[in-house]
Protein backbone atom coordinates (compact mmCIF):
# COMPACT_ATOMS: atom_id res chain seq x y z
CA UNK A 1 7.92 84.74 -2.78
CA UNK A 2 4.41 84.62 -3.98
CA UNK A 3 1.99 81.87 -3.08
CA UNK A 4 1.62 80.95 -6.75
CA UNK A 5 5.40 80.52 -7.11
CA UNK A 6 5.50 78.25 -4.02
CA UNK A 7 2.67 76.10 -5.41
CA UNK A 8 4.41 75.66 -8.77
CA UNK A 9 7.72 74.79 -7.12
CA UNK A 10 6.07 72.24 -4.78
CA UNK A 11 4.13 70.66 -7.67
CA UNK A 12 7.31 70.39 -9.76
CA UNK A 13 9.19 68.68 -6.91
CA UNK A 14 6.28 66.28 -6.20
CA UNK A 15 5.91 65.44 -9.89
CA UNK A 16 9.64 64.73 -10.16
CA UNK A 17 9.53 62.54 -7.04
CA UNK A 18 6.51 60.59 -8.33
CA UNK A 19 8.14 60.13 -11.71
CA UNK A 20 11.32 58.84 -10.05
CA UNK A 21 9.32 56.48 -7.85
CA UNK A 22 7.36 55.13 -10.82
CA UNK A 23 10.59 54.65 -12.77
CA UNK A 24 12.14 52.77 -9.83
CA UNK A 25 9.15 50.39 -9.72
CA UNK A 26 9.34 49.80 -13.47
CA UNK A 27 13.08 49.12 -13.47
CA UNK A 28 12.90 46.96 -10.35
CA UNK A 29 10.04 44.86 -11.69
CA UNK A 30 11.28 44.23 -15.21
CA UNK A 31 14.00 41.73 -14.33
CA UNK A 32 16.98 43.76 -15.53
CA UNK A 33 19.04 42.29 -12.74
CA UNK A 34 18.41 38.67 -13.79
CA UNK A 35 16.87 35.78 -11.92
CA UNK A 36 18.38 35.17 -8.53
CA UNK A 37 19.10 31.68 -7.34
CA UNK A 38 17.08 30.63 -4.29
CA UNK A 39 19.07 30.47 -1.05
CA UNK A 40 20.82 27.16 -0.42
CA UNK A 41 18.50 24.63 1.16
CA UNK A 42 15.35 26.06 -0.46
CA UNK A 43 13.63 25.15 -3.69
CA UNK A 44 12.47 27.40 -6.49
CA UNK A 45 8.81 28.35 -6.51
CA UNK A 46 8.74 27.78 -10.26
CA UNK A 47 7.52 24.41 -11.52
CA UNK A 48 10.05 22.10 -13.19
CA UNK A 49 10.96 22.66 -16.83
CA UNK A 50 11.06 20.14 -19.61
CA UNK A 51 11.71 20.40 -23.31
CA UNK A 52 8.92 19.39 -25.66
CA UNK A 53 9.52 19.52 -29.41
CA UNK A 54 12.36 21.99 -28.90
CA UNK A 55 10.31 24.36 -26.71
CA UNK A 56 10.79 24.82 -22.98
CA UNK A 57 7.61 24.00 -21.09
CA UNK A 58 6.90 24.42 -17.39
CA UNK A 59 4.73 21.73 -15.92
CA UNK A 60 1.71 23.44 -14.41
CA UNK A 61 0.86 20.74 -11.90
CA UNK A 62 0.77 22.55 -8.58
CA UNK A 63 1.83 21.14 -5.26
CA UNK A 64 -1.51 21.49 -3.55
CA UNK A 65 -2.68 19.31 -0.66
CA UNK A 66 -4.54 17.20 -3.24
CA UNK A 67 -1.18 15.92 -4.44
CA UNK A 68 0.43 15.16 -1.11
CA UNK A 69 0.80 11.69 0.31
CA UNK A 70 -1.17 12.62 3.41
CA UNK A 71 -4.82 11.63 3.50
CA UNK A 72 -7.16 14.58 3.19
CA UNK A 73 -10.82 14.60 2.30
CA UNK A 74 -11.30 18.33 1.72
CA UNK A 75 -8.84 18.59 -1.16
CA UNK A 76 -11.55 19.44 -3.70
CA UNK A 77 -11.82 22.87 -2.14
CA UNK A 78 -8.32 23.83 -3.29
CA UNK A 79 -8.65 23.34 -7.04
CA UNK A 80 -11.36 24.08 -9.57
CA UNK A 81 -12.28 20.47 -10.33
CA UNK A 82 -12.72 17.17 -8.48
CA UNK A 83 -9.33 16.47 -6.91
CA UNK A 84 -9.73 12.70 -7.10
CA UNK A 85 -10.53 12.80 -10.82
CA UNK A 86 -7.64 15.19 -11.34
CA UNK A 87 -5.19 12.95 -9.55
CA UNK A 88 -6.65 9.85 -11.20
CA UNK A 89 -6.13 11.43 -14.62
CA UNK A 90 -2.53 12.38 -13.82
CA UNK A 91 -1.81 8.89 -12.50
CA UNK A 92 -3.38 7.29 -15.58
CA UNK A 93 -1.27 9.27 -18.08
CA UNK A 94 1.89 9.44 -15.97
CA UNK A 95 3.84 7.51 -18.63
CA UNK A 96 3.18 10.25 -21.22
CA UNK A 97 5.00 13.60 -21.35
CA UNK A 98 2.82 16.53 -20.27
CA UNK A 99 2.58 19.74 -22.28
CA UNK A 100 0.11 21.42 -19.95
CA UNK A 101 -1.78 20.63 -16.76
CA UNK A 102 -4.23 23.23 -15.41
CA UNK A 103 -5.97 22.08 -12.20
CA UNK A 104 -8.16 25.17 -12.04
CA UNK A 105 -9.52 24.75 -15.56
CA UNK A 106 -9.37 20.96 -15.38
CA UNK A 107 -7.33 20.46 -18.56
CA UNK A 108 -4.43 18.05 -19.10
CA UNK A 109 -2.69 18.01 -22.47
CA UNK A 110 -0.03 15.42 -23.22
CA UNK A 111 2.65 15.53 -25.87
CA UNK A 112 2.93 12.82 -28.50
CA UNK A 113 3.85 9.41 -27.12
CA UNK A 114 5.02 6.47 -29.22
CA UNK A 115 4.72 3.10 -27.48
CA UNK A 116 8.04 1.21 -27.57
CA UNK A 117 6.38 -1.82 -29.19
CA UNK A 118 4.96 0.29 -32.08
CA UNK A 119 7.30 3.26 -32.69
CA UNK A 120 5.64 4.02 -36.04
CA UNK A 121 2.46 5.04 -34.15
CA UNK A 122 2.01 7.86 -31.69
CA UNK A 123 -0.78 9.16 -29.47
CA UNK A 124 -1.67 12.45 -27.84
CA UNK A 125 -4.41 13.05 -25.24
CA UNK A 126 -6.51 15.99 -24.16
CA UNK A 127 -8.23 15.28 -20.84
CA UNK A 128 -10.98 17.51 -19.48
CA UNK A 129 -12.29 17.33 -15.92
CA UNK A 130 -15.65 19.06 -16.19
CA UNK A 131 -16.81 19.45 -12.62
CA UNK A 132 -16.29 19.00 -8.91
CA UNK A 133 -18.30 15.80 -8.56
CA UNK A 134 -16.89 12.31 -8.87
CA UNK A 135 -19.11 11.12 -11.72
CA UNK A 136 -18.49 9.48 -15.08
CA UNK A 137 -19.83 12.46 -17.02
CA UNK A 138 -17.29 14.86 -15.48
CA UNK A 139 -14.28 13.40 -17.31
CA UNK A 140 -13.77 13.57 -21.10
CA UNK A 141 -10.77 12.21 -23.02
CA UNK A 142 -9.94 13.09 -26.63
CA UNK A 143 -7.42 10.78 -28.29
CA UNK A 144 -5.30 11.84 -31.27
CA UNK A 145 -3.57 9.07 -33.23
CA UNK A 146 -0.96 9.28 -35.97
CA UNK A 147 1.01 6.73 -38.00
CA UNK A 148 4.30 7.29 -39.75
CA UNK A 149 4.16 6.70 -43.48
CA UNK A 150 7.18 7.42 -45.70
CA UNK A 151 8.75 9.56 -42.97
CA UNK A 152 5.61 11.70 -42.51
CA UNK A 153 3.14 11.54 -39.63
CA UNK A 154 -0.41 11.05 -40.89
CA UNK A 155 -3.55 11.51 -38.78
CA UNK A 156 -5.50 8.31 -38.21
CA UNK A 157 -9.03 8.12 -36.88
CA UNK A 158 -8.88 6.80 -33.34
CA UNK A 159 -11.54 4.48 -32.05
CA UNK A 160 -14.11 6.07 -29.75
CA UNK A 161 -13.75 3.14 -27.37
CA UNK A 162 -10.12 4.14 -26.67
CA UNK A 163 -11.24 7.45 -25.16
CA UNK A 164 -14.06 5.71 -23.29
CA UNK A 165 -11.65 3.12 -21.87
CA UNK A 166 -9.32 5.87 -20.66
CA UNK A 167 -12.26 7.70 -19.06
CA UNK A 168 -13.25 4.48 -17.26
CA UNK A 169 -9.66 3.94 -16.09
CA UNK A 170 -9.45 7.52 -14.76
CA UNK A 171 -12.79 7.14 -12.98
CA UNK A 172 -11.75 3.82 -11.40
CA UNK A 173 -8.47 5.34 -10.20
CA UNK A 174 -10.32 8.37 -8.79
CA UNK A 175 -12.76 6.14 -6.91
CA UNK A 176 -9.84 4.16 -5.47
CA UNK A 177 -8.13 7.38 -4.35
CA UNK A 178 -11.37 8.59 -2.75
CA UNK A 179 -11.80 5.28 -0.89
CA UNK A 180 -8.22 5.48 0.39
CA UNK A 181 -8.72 9.09 1.52
CA UNK A 182 -11.91 8.22 3.37
CA UNK A 183 -10.34 5.12 4.88
CA UNK A 184 -12.93 2.78 3.41
CA UNK A 185 -10.56 0.41 1.66
CA UNK A 186 -9.43 0.36 -1.94
CA UNK A 187 -5.82 -0.18 -0.72
């Protein structure tokens, strides 16, 4: 056998092995075998699902130390925004269904919510946490308001004070959470 023949044969075998290996990774990673249930006694690492307007949505609120019941003061290091503002915002809008909650980008988007006392009106909020400091200018709330007229939802201008009041409520809740975490009261 010539050296050239041996090289070609070795290259062909190596190429076939690499192709097979690449194919195995592709097939193994594409989910052809379906999702497996977690072992009994464990929980899924996926966030809970909910249905919003017919679409399945996964709540993106992570289970970071900032959301535990234990008191920690370094929680702001785990997410991209001020953890107290983040938690204060989630607490403030906890009665509304969430469409999205991104703690790293600092964005909370709610779905439409109609208060029981006025079912012909509905509200939707976009909340932005803009920094890591606990200050009034690091939280921004945009309020969307609609009224039902003749079976159709119509946009209505919302009052600027509504967004400002929500921002103040979020800030007050965040300050209370910070006081509790530092052990300085606010119980």
